[in-house]
Amino acid sequence: MSTDVLSLKGKVAIVTGAGRGIGKAISLAFAEAGADIVAVSRTREEIEKTCCEVKALSREALAVTADVTSAEQVKRMVASWMLSVTGNRYLLLLLVNLFLFIVGMFMDDVSGMIICAPLLLPVIKEIGISPVHFAAIVTTNLTMGNLTPPMAPLVFLGQIIGKTTFPDMVKTSLLFVFCAWVPAVLITTYFAPIAEWLPVTVLGSKVLIPAY
């Protein structure tokens, strides 16, 4: 593969089946193109060899032993990758926000919750976020994504109800997202007492006890 055509500098590639065959070849090709590699395979010895070859190309490599057909192991894989990027609680929350926002751009909020909540739960548990706070983070981010192209289902719904054009709806929606929704997401993420106030007021502080 020509690195002149494909430049992945500053990117991180998660490659499954990276211990041998096509997966290993893809890992090395991505590393040559400038990407850091998260190598995933069921056999530890094989991915360690792949990681050594990636590091020989002056790229970072993380070996993760996981079977991608197992939901529990996929969760551990995602957690291992995110925790390897940074151990800083605030940066991890920012990564979680970006991930949820991108998912929300392409998927409705209910489907996004079903898929993302189990994947991100190990990370949330690791940094000590309460289930209530996590639920607020998931909801605000996915809903913001639903207002943002390319899919933007809520924008299309507003267009139908308001009998207006999609470009007009997008202009108004993006203004609302940047001026109101982004600040709301940041407040919800980094000021837990605000996010938890209503549930605690209605149900008491017992709702904050982790039930992972």
C-alpha atoms as a PDB file:
ATOM      1  CA  MET A   1       0.000   0.000   0.000  1.00  0.00           C
ATOM      2  CA  SER A   2       1.378   3.394  -0.930  1.00  0.00           C
ATOM      3  CA  THR A   3       1.702   5.780   2.002  1.00  0.00           C
ATOM      4  CA  ASP A   4       1.660   8.655  -0.502  1.00  0.00           C
ATOM      5  CA  VAL A   5      -1.982   7.843  -1.206  1.00  0.00           C
ATOM      6  CA  LEU A   6      -3.017   7.091   2.372  1.00  0.00           C
ATOM      7  CA  SER A   7      -1.767   9.174   5.287  1.00  0.00           C
ATOM      8  CA  LEU A   8      -2.957   8.202   8.749  1.00  0.00           C
ATOM      9  CA  LYS A   9      -0.655  10.394  10.825  1.00  0.00           C
ATOM     10  CA  GLY A  10      -2.204  11.206  14.176  1.00  0.00           C
ATOM     11  CA  LYS A  11      -4.841   8.460  13.803  1.00  0.00           C
ATOM     12  CA  VAL A  12      -5.424   5.309  15.838  1.00  0.00           C
ATOM     13  CA  ALA A  13      -6.524   2.139  14.043  1.00  0.00           C
ATOM     14  CA  ILE A  14      -8.222  -0.745  15.858  1.00  0.00           C
ATOM     15  CA  VAL A  15      -7.486  -3.925  13.897  1.00  0.00           C
ATOM     16  CA  THR A  16      -9.151  -7.206  14.812  1.00  0.00           C
ATOM     17  CA  GLY A  17      -7.537 -10.506  13.927  1.00  0.00           C
ATOM     18  CA  ALA A  18      -4.212  -8.668  13.987  1.00  0.00           C
ATOM     19  CA  GLY A  19      -2.175 -11.676  15.075  1.00  0.00           C
ATOM     20  CA  ARG A  20      -1.716 -13.105  11.607  1.00  0.00           C
ATOM     21  CA  GLY A  21      -2.801 -13.115   7.986  1.00  0.00           C
ATOM     22  CA  ILE A  22      -4.798 -10.206   6.592  1.00  0.00           C
ATOM     23  CA  GLY A  23      -5.246  -8.585  10.004  1.00  0.00           C
ATOM     24  CA  LYS A  24      -1.497  -8.469  10.590  1.00  0.00           C
ATOM     25  CA  ALA A  25      -0.864  -7.145   7.085  1.00  0.00           C
ATOM     26  CA  ILE A  26      -3.466  -4.400   7.614  1.00  0.00           C
ATOM     27  CA  SER A  27      -1.877  -3.449  10.945  1.00  0.00           C
ATOM     28  CA  LEU A  28       1.555  -3.072   9.372  1.00  0.00           C
ATOM     29  CA  ALA A  29       0.186  -1.181   6.361  1.00  0.00           C
ATOM     30  CA  PHE A  30      -1.653   1.268   8.623  1.00  0.00           C
ATOM     31  CA  ALA A  31       1.484   1.696  10.734  1.00  0.00           C
ATOM     32  CA  GLU A  32       3.517   2.467   7.607  1.00  0.00           C
ATOM     33  CA  ALA A  33       0.870   5.079   6.752  1.00  0.00           C
ATOM     34  CA  GLY A  34       1.447   6.733  10.129  1.00  0.00           C
ATOM     35  CA  ALA A  35      -1.281   5.294  12.362  1.00  0.00           C
ATOM     36  CA  ASP A  36      -0.856   3.980  15.883  1.00  0.00           C
ATOM     37  CA  ILE A  37      -2.311   0.492  16.215  1.00  0.00           C
ATOM     38  CA  VAL A  38      -4.591  -1.257  18.693  1.00  0.00           C
ATOM     39  CA  ALA A  39      -4.020  -4.893  17.748  1.00  0.00           C
ATOM     40  CA  VAL A  40      -6.807  -7.268  18.751  1.00  0.00           C
ATOM     41  CA  SER A  41      -6.633 -11.060  18.627  1.00  0.00           C
ATOM     42  CA  ARG A  42      -7.545 -14.100  20.679  1.00  0.00           C
ATOM     43  CA  THR A  43      -3.897 -15.186  20.926  1.00  0.00           C
ATOM     44  CA  ARG A  44      -1.639 -12.997  23.045  1.00  0.00           C
ATOM     45  CA  GLU A  45       1.633 -14.297  21.642  1.00  0.00           C
ATOM     46  CA  GLU A  46       0.645 -13.503  18.062  1.00  0.00           C
ATOM     47  CA  ILE A  47      -0.443  -9.923  18.691  1.00  0.00           C
ATOM     48  CA  GLU A  48       2.667  -9.252  20.770  1.00  0.00           C
ATOM     49  CA  LYS A  49       4.726 -10.128  17.683  1.00  0.00           C
ATOM     50  CA  THR A  50       2.559  -7.845  15.548  1.00  0.00           C
ATOM     51  CA  CYS A  51       2.996  -5.007  18.049  1.00  0.00           C
ATOM     52  CA  CYS A  52       6.776  -5.473  18.012  1.00  0.00           C
ATOM     53  CA  GLU A  53       6.772  -5.123  14.220  1.00  0.00           C
ATOM     54  CA  VAL A  54       4.558  -2.023  14.451  1.00  0.00           C
ATOM     55  CA  LYS A  55       6.910  -0.452  17.002  1.00  0.00           C
ATOM     56  CA  ALA A  56       9.817  -1.209  14.682  1.00  0.00           C
ATOM     57  CA  LEU A  57       8.074   1.159  12.256  1.00  0.00           C
ATOM     58  CA  SER A  58       8.264   3.887  14.943  1.00  0.00           C
ATOM     59  CA  ARG A  59       4.544   3.741  15.752  1.00  0.00           C
ATOM     60  CA  GLU A  60       2.771   3.086  19.050  1.00  0.00           C
ATOM     61  CA  ALA A  61       1.028  -0.266  19.481  1.00  0.00           C
ATOM     62  CA  LEU A  62      -1.313  -1.712  22.089  1.00  0.00           C
ATOM     63  CA  ALA A  63      -1.986  -5.457  22.273  1.00  0.00           C
ATOM     64  CA  VAL A  64      -5.516  -6.388  23.372  1.00  0.00           C
ATOM     65  CA  THR A  65      -6.516 -10.008  23.815  1.00  0.00           C
ATOM     66  CA  ALA A  66     -10.194 -10.319  22.924  1.00  0.00           C
ATOM     67  CA  ASP A  67     -12.661 -12.411  20.973  1.00  0.00           C
ATOM     68  CA  VAL A  68     -14.807  -9.951  18.999  1.00  0.00           C
ATOM     69  CA  THR A  69     -17.642 -12.501  18.912  1.00  0.00           C
ATOM     70  CA  SER A  70     -17.949 -12.086  22.706  1.00  0.00           C
ATOM     71  CA  ALA A  71     -19.829  -8.992  23.891  1.00  0.00           C
ATOM     72  CA  GLU A  72     -17.995  -8.907  27.228  1.00  0.00           C
ATOM     73  CA  GLN A  73     -14.591  -9.064  25.579  1.00  0.00           C
ATOM     74  CA  VAL A  74     -15.538  -6.313  23.123  1.00  0.00           C
ATOM     75  CA  LYS A  75     -16.438  -4.109  26.085  1.00  0.00           C
ATOM     76  CA  ARG A  76     -13.035  -4.785  27.643  1.00  0.00           C
ATOM     77  CA  MET A  77     -11.356  -4.032  24.326  1.00  0.00           C
ATOM     78  CA  VAL A  78     -13.039  -0.622  24.033  1.00  0.00           C
ATOM     79  CA  ALA A  79     -12.216   0.175  27.667  1.00  0.00           C
ATOM     80  CA  SER A  80      -8.579  -0.880  27.230  1.00  0.00           C
ATOM     81  CA  TRP A  81      -8.181   1.333  24.174  1.00  0.00           C
ATOM     82  CA  MET A  82      -9.782   4.421  25.735  1.00  0.00           C
ATOM     83  CA  LEU A  83      -7.844   4.043  28.981  1.00  0.00           C
ATOM     84  CA  SER A  84      -4.621   3.607  27.006  1.00  0.00           C
ATOM     85  CA  VAL A  85      -5.198   6.935  25.230  1.00  0.00           C
ATOM     86  CA  THR A  86      -5.251   8.877  28.493  1.00  0.00           C
ATOM     87  CA  GLY A  87      -5.729   8.300  32.185  1.00  0.00           C
ATOM     88  CA  ASN A  88      -7.056  11.815  32.702  1.00  0.00           C
ATOM     89  CA  ARG A  89     -10.697  11.718  33.859  1.00  0.00           C
ATOM     90  CA  TYR A  90     -11.650  14.924  32.041  1.00  0.00           C
ATOM     91  CA  LEU A  91     -10.083  13.898  28.736  1.00  0.00           C
ATOM     92  CA  LEU A  92     -11.747  10.485  28.976  1.00  0.00           C
ATOM     93  CA  LEU A  93     -15.112  12.175  29.440  1.00  0.00           C
ATOM     94  CA  LEU A  94     -14.358  14.315  26.385  1.00  0.00           C
ATOM     95  CA  LEU A  95     -13.596  11.141  24.375  1.00  0.00           C
ATOM     96  CA  VAL A  96     -16.859   9.604  25.563  1.00  0.00           C
ATOM     97  CA  ASN A  97     -18.721  12.751  24.497  1.00  0.00           C
ATOM     98  CA  LEU A  98     -17.162  12.734  21.024  1.00  0.00           C
ATOM     99  CA  PHE A  99     -17.917   9.041  20.557  1.00  0.00           C
ATOM    100  CA  LEU A 100     -21.565   9.453  21.585  1.00  0.00           C
ATOM    101  CA  PHE A 101     -22.001  12.580  19.458  1.00  0.00           C
ATOM    102  CA  ILE A 102     -20.679  10.821  16.338  1.00  0.00           C
ATOM    103  CA  VAL A 103     -22.939   7.819  16.974  1.00  0.00           C
ATOM    104  CA  GLY A 104     -25.888  10.201  17.383  1.00  0.00           C
ATOM    105  CA  MET A 105     -25.161  11.724  13.969  1.00  0.00           C
ATOM    106  CA  PHE A 106     -25.866   8.393  12.279  1.00  0.00           C
ATOM    107  CA  MET A 107     -28.261   6.593  14.623  1.00  0.00           C
ATOM    108  CA  ASP A 108     -31.438   7.363  16.572  1.00  0.00           C
ATOM    109  CA  ASP A 109     -31.086   7.895  20.303  1.00  0.00           C
ATOM    110  CA  VAL A 110     -32.728   4.642  21.459  1.00  0.00           C
ATOM    111  CA  SER A 111     -30.538   2.462  19.211  1.00  0.00           C
ATOM    112  CA  GLY A 112     -27.500   4.496  20.235  1.00  0.00           C
ATOM    113  CA  MET A 113     -28.231   3.922  23.919  1.00  0.00           C
ATOM    114  CA  ILE A 114     -28.643   0.172  23.442  1.00  0.00           C
ATOM    115  CA  ILE A 115     -25.313  -0.078  21.608  1.00  0.00           C
ATOM    116  CA  CYS A 116     -23.180   2.519  23.400  1.00  0.00           C
ATOM    117  CA  ALA A 117     -24.156   2.155  27.047  1.00  0.00           C
ATOM    118  CA  PRO A 118     -22.794  -1.406  27.455  1.00  0.00           C
ATOM    119  CA  LEU A 119     -19.650  -0.550  25.477  1.00  0.00           C
ATOM    120  CA  LEU A 120     -18.788   2.518  27.546  1.00  0.00           C
ATOM    121  CA  LEU A 121     -19.859   1.217  30.948  1.00  0.00           C
ATOM    122  CA  PRO A 122     -16.434  -0.304  31.829  1.00  0.00           C
ATOM    123  CA  VAL A 123     -14.756   3.050  31.138  1.00  0.00           C
ATOM    124  CA  ILE A 124     -17.354   4.939  33.165  1.00  0.00           C
ATOM    125  CA  LYS A 125     -16.946   2.479  36.023  1.00  0.00           C
ATOM    126  CA  GLU A 126     -13.171   2.889  35.921  1.00  0.00           C
ATOM    127  CA  ILE A 127     -13.300   6.675  36.330  1.00  0.00           C
ATOM    128  CA  GLY A 128     -15.988   6.606  39.017  1.00  0.00           C
ATOM    129  CA  ILE A 129     -18.983   8.147  37.249  1.00  0.00           C
ATOM    130  CA  SER A 130     -22.399   7.357  38.764  1.00  0.00           C
ATOM    131  CA  PRO A 131     -24.994   5.548  36.590  1.00  0.00           C
ATOM    132  CA  VAL A 132     -27.302   8.574  36.772  1.00  0.00           C
ATOM    133  CA  HIS A 133     -24.591  10.956  35.596  1.00  0.00           C
ATOM    134  CA  PHE A 134     -23.640   8.545  32.800  1.00  0.00           C
ATOM    135  CA  ALA A 135     -27.268   8.322  31.662  1.00  0.00           C
ATOM    136  CA  ALA A 136     -27.440  12.129  31.452  1.00  0.00           C
ATOM    137  CA  ILE A 137     -24.212  12.249  29.404  1.00  0.00           C
ATOM    138  CA  VAL A 138     -25.479   9.583  26.987  1.00  0.00           C
ATOM    139  CA  THR A 139     -28.865  11.248  26.505  1.00  0.00           C
ATOM    140  CA  THR A 140     -27.600  14.793  25.904  1.00  0.00           C
ATOM    141  CA  ASN A 141     -24.890  13.711  23.453  1.00  0.00           C
ATOM    142  CA  LEU A 142     -27.024  11.343  21.387  1.00  0.00           C
ATOM    143  CA  THR A 143     -29.809  13.891  21.137  1.00  0.00           C
ATOM    144  CA  MET A 144     -27.364  16.576  20.017  1.00  0.00           C
ATOM    145  CA  GLY A 145     -26.129  14.167  17.345  1.00  0.00           C
ATOM    146  CA  ASN A 146     -29.722  13.693  16.189  1.00  0.00           C
ATOM    147  CA  LEU A 147     -29.821  17.412  15.396  1.00  0.00           C
ATOM    148  CA  THR A 148     -26.658  17.315  13.315  1.00  0.00           C
ATOM    149  CA  PRO A 149     -26.184  16.265   9.660  1.00  0.00           C
ATOM    150  CA  PRO A 150     -25.668  13.997   7.808  1.00  0.00           C
ATOM    151  CA  MET A 151     -28.632  12.010   9.184  1.00  0.00           C
ATOM    152  CA  ALA A 152     -30.255  14.576  11.544  1.00  0.00           C
ATOM    153  CA  PRO A 153     -33.604  12.797  12.034  1.00  0.00           C
ATOM    154  CA  LEU A 154     -34.918  15.541  14.325  1.00  0.00           C
ATOM    155  CA  VAL A 155     -34.138  18.174  11.687  1.00  0.00           C
ATOM    156  CA  PHE A 156     -36.110  16.237   9.065  1.00  0.00           C
ATOM    157  CA  LEU A 157     -38.983  15.897  11.539  1.00  0.00           C
ATOM    158  CA  GLY A 158     -38.907  19.644  12.214  1.00  0.00           C
ATOM    159  CA  GLN A 159     -38.876  20.316   8.480  1.00  0.00           C
ATOM    160  CA  ILE A 160     -42.057  18.278   8.008  1.00  0.00           C
ATOM    161  CA  ILE A 161     -43.862  19.806  10.979  1.00  0.00           C
ATOM    162  CA  GLY A 162     -42.761  23.364  10.160  1.00  0.00           C
ATOM    163  CA  LYS A 163     -43.333  22.953   6.405  1.00  0.00           C
ATOM    164  CA  THR A 164     -39.991  24.538   5.613  1.00  0.00           C
ATOM    165  CA  THR A 165     -36.844  23.580   3.690  1.00  0.00           C
ATOM    166  CA  PHE A 166     -34.016  21.406   4.977  1.00  0.00           C
ATOM    167  CA  PRO A 167     -31.290  24.103   4.478  1.00  0.00           C
ATOM    168  CA  ASP A 168     -33.315  26.574   6.556  1.00  0.00           C
ATOM    169  CA  MET A 169     -33.775  23.977   9.296  1.00  0.00           C
ATOM    170  CA  VAL A 170     -30.072  23.109   9.298  1.00  0.00           C
ATOM    171  CA  LYS A 171     -29.004  26.735   9.745  1.00  0.00           C
ATOM    172  CA  THR A 172     -31.306  27.180  12.726  1.00  0.00           C
ATOM    173  CA  SER A 173     -30.444  23.780  14.208  1.00  0.00           C
ATOM    174  CA  LEU A 174     -26.682  24.289  14.027  1.00  0.00           C
ATOM    175  CA  LEU A 175     -27.023  27.720  15.627  1.00  0.00           C
ATOM    176  CA  PHE A 176     -29.014  26.086  18.432  1.00  0.00           C
ATOM    177  CA  VAL A 177     -26.456  23.263  18.768  1.00  0.00           C
ATOM    178  CA  PHE A 178     -23.423  25.538  19.066  1.00  0.00           C
ATOM    179  CA  CYS A 179     -25.002  28.263  21.201  1.00  0.00           C
ATOM    180  CA  ALA A 180     -27.143  26.140  23.521  1.00  0.00           C
ATOM    181  CA  TRP A 181     -26.657  22.398  23.198  1.00  0.00           C
ATOM    182  CA  VAL A 182     -22.847  22.243  23.335  1.00  0.00           C
ATOM    183  CA  PRO A 183     -22.754  24.307  26.558  1.00  0.00           C
ATOM    184  CA  ALA A 184     -25.509  22.071  27.971  1.00  0.00           C
ATOM    185  CA  VAL A 185     -23.475  18.948  27.133  1.00  0.00           C
ATOM    186  CA  LEU A 186     -20.344  20.362  28.770  1.00  0.00           C
ATOM    187  CA  ILE A 187     -22.252  21.382  31.904  1.00  0.00           C
ATOM    188  CA  THR A 188     -23.919  17.965  32.096  1.00  0.00           C
ATOM    189  CA  THR A 189     -20.569  16.204  31.656  1.00  0.00           C
ATOM    190  CA  TYR A 190     -18.339  18.188  33.985  1.00  0.00           C
ATOM    191  CA  PHE A 191     -20.792  19.354  36.676  1.00  0.00           C
ATOM    192  CA  ALA A 192     -22.267  16.131  38.040  1.00  0.00           C
ATOM    193  CA  PRO A 193     -24.468  17.764  40.752  1.00  0.00           C
ATOM    194  CA  ILE A 194     -26.407  19.626  38.044  1.00  0.00           C
ATOM    195  CA  ALA A 195     -26.916  16.463  35.982  1.00  0.00           C
ATOM    196  CA  GLU A 196     -27.954  14.483  39.069  1.00  0.00           C
ATOM    197  CA  TRP A 197     -30.093  17.129  40.754  1.00  0.00           C
ATOM    198  CA  LEU A 198     -33.543  16.075  39.509  1.00  0.00           C
ATOM    199  CA  PRO A 199     -33.155  12.302  40.072  1.00  0.00           C
ATOM    200  CA  VAL A 200     -31.690  12.913  43.523  1.00  0.00           C
ATOM    201  CA  THR A 201     -34.469  15.365  44.384  1.00  0.00           C
ATOM    202  CA  VAL A 202     -37.205  12.943  43.316  1.00  0.00           C
ATOM    203  CA  LEU A 203     -35.707   9.583  44.318  1.00  0.00           C
ATOM    204  CA  GLY A 204     -33.081  10.449  46.917  1.00  0.00           C
ATOM    205  CA  SER A 205     -29.318  10.013  46.985  1.00  0.00           C
ATOM    206  CA  LYS A 206     -29.652   6.206  46.823  1.00  0.00           C
ATOM    207  CA  VAL A 207     -29.923   6.488  43.007  1.00  0.00           C
ATOM    208  CA  LEU A 208     -26.254   7.515  42.879  1.00  0.00           C
ATOM    209  CA  ILE A 209     -25.043   4.217  44.339  1.00  0.00           C
ATOM    210  CA  PRO A 210     -23.302   2.355  41.498  1.00  0.00           C
ATOM    211  CA  ALA A 211     -25.196  -0.753  40.397  1.00  0.00           C
ATOM    212  CA  TYR A 212     -22.719  -2.045  37.819  1.00  0.00           C
END
